[in-house]
Amino acid sequence: GQETMIGIAPQYSELNWTGLSFTPEQFKTVTSIDKAAWEEEFKSHDAHFELLSYHMPQELIDTKAALEQRLAAL
């Protein structure tokens, strides 16, 4: 596997593509991380996290923060 922003993901060569017409280029396209899109996604979560923070487990807040840090490092 390969370390990504969201964890470890398999590489193209690690999967069995027998009987499928799916190129390495297609795999790269569907597994790529769009940094700008993820930044917008996290921004859209901010209001919900603030609204629900009283009832939200700290682990979710910590997970979001960790993902944002990993994204910033890209």
Protein backbone atom coordinates (compact mmCIF):
# COMPACT_ATOMS: atom_id res chain seq x y z
CA GLY A 1 0.00 0.00 0.00
CA GLN A 2 0.85 3.64 -0.22
CA GLU A 3 0.38 6.25 2.50
CA THR A 4 -2.18 8.89 1.49
CA MET A 5 -3.87 11.77 3.23
CA ILE A 6 -6.67 9.47 4.35
CA GLY A 7 -4.57 6.43 5.22
CA ILE A 8 -2.99 3.53 3.38
CA ALA A 9 -4.40 2.75 -0.05
CA PRO A 10 -3.42 -0.02 -2.47
CA GLN A 11 -1.32 0.80 -5.51
CA TYR A 12 -2.47 -0.19 -8.98
CA SER A 13 0.02 -3.06 -9.15
CA GLU A 14 -1.28 -4.54 -5.90
CA LEU A 15 -4.79 -5.16 -7.24
CA ASN A 16 -6.04 -7.95 -9.50
CA TRP A 17 -7.32 -6.38 -12.71
CA THR A 18 -7.98 -9.69 -14.53
CA GLY A 19 -10.95 -9.30 -16.87
CA LEU A 20 -11.15 -5.55 -16.36
CA SER A 21 -10.15 -2.81 -18.74
CA PHE A 22 -8.84 -0.28 -16.23
CA THR A 23 -5.53 1.41 -16.95
CA PRO A 24 -2.97 2.76 -14.50
CA GLU A 25 -3.86 6.25 -15.76
CA GLN A 26 -7.54 5.70 -14.94
CA PHE A 27 -6.59 4.40 -11.50
CA LYS A 28 -4.46 7.48 -10.86
CA THR A 29 -7.34 9.73 -11.90
CA VAL A 30 -9.89 8.15 -9.56
CA THR A 31 -7.53 7.86 -6.60
CA SER A 32 -5.89 11.28 -6.79
CA ILE A 33 -6.36 13.81 -3.99
CA ASP A 34 -7.74 17.17 -5.12
CA LYS A 35 -6.32 19.46 -2.43
CA ALA A 36 -8.57 22.43 -3.25
CA ALA A 37 -11.69 20.26 -3.21
CA TRP A 38 -10.74 18.76 0.16
CA GLU A 39 -10.04 22.23 1.59
CA GLU A 40 -13.54 23.32 0.55
CA GLU A 41 -15.02 20.13 1.98
CA PHE A 42 -13.40 20.74 5.36
CA LYS A 43 -14.59 24.37 5.35
CA SER A 44 -18.14 23.15 4.76
CA HIS A 45 -17.83 20.98 7.88
CA ASP A 46 -16.78 23.83 10.17
CA ALA A 47 -20.29 25.16 10.85
CA HIS A 48 -21.61 21.67 11.57
CA PHE A 49 -18.74 20.87 13.90
CA GLU A 50 -19.29 24.15 15.74
CA LEU A 51 -23.04 23.58 16.01
CA LEU A 52 -22.64 20.00 17.24
CA SER A 53 -19.45 20.44 19.27
CA TYR A 54 -21.27 20.08 22.59
CA HIS A 55 -22.39 16.54 21.67
CA MET A 56 -19.54 15.56 19.38
CA PRO A 57 -16.95 13.05 20.59
CA GLN A 58 -13.49 14.56 20.87
CA GLU A 59 -12.19 11.77 18.63
CA LEU A 60 -14.14 13.19 15.65
CA ILE A 61 -12.74 16.66 16.27
CA ASP A 62 -9.23 15.20 16.56
CA THR A 63 -9.67 13.14 13.39
CA LYS A 64 -10.80 16.18 11.41
CA ALA A 65 -7.84 18.20 12.70
CA ALA A 66 -5.41 15.41 11.80
CA LEU A 67 -6.81 15.13 8.28
CA GLU A 68 -6.56 18.90 7.83
CA GLN A 69 -2.92 18.78 8.94
CA ARG A 70 -2.16 15.95 6.53
CA LEU A 71 -3.84 17.88 3.71
CA ALA A 72 -1.82 21.00 4.51
CA ALA A 73 1.37 18.94 4.20
CA LEU A 74 0.56 17.95 0.59
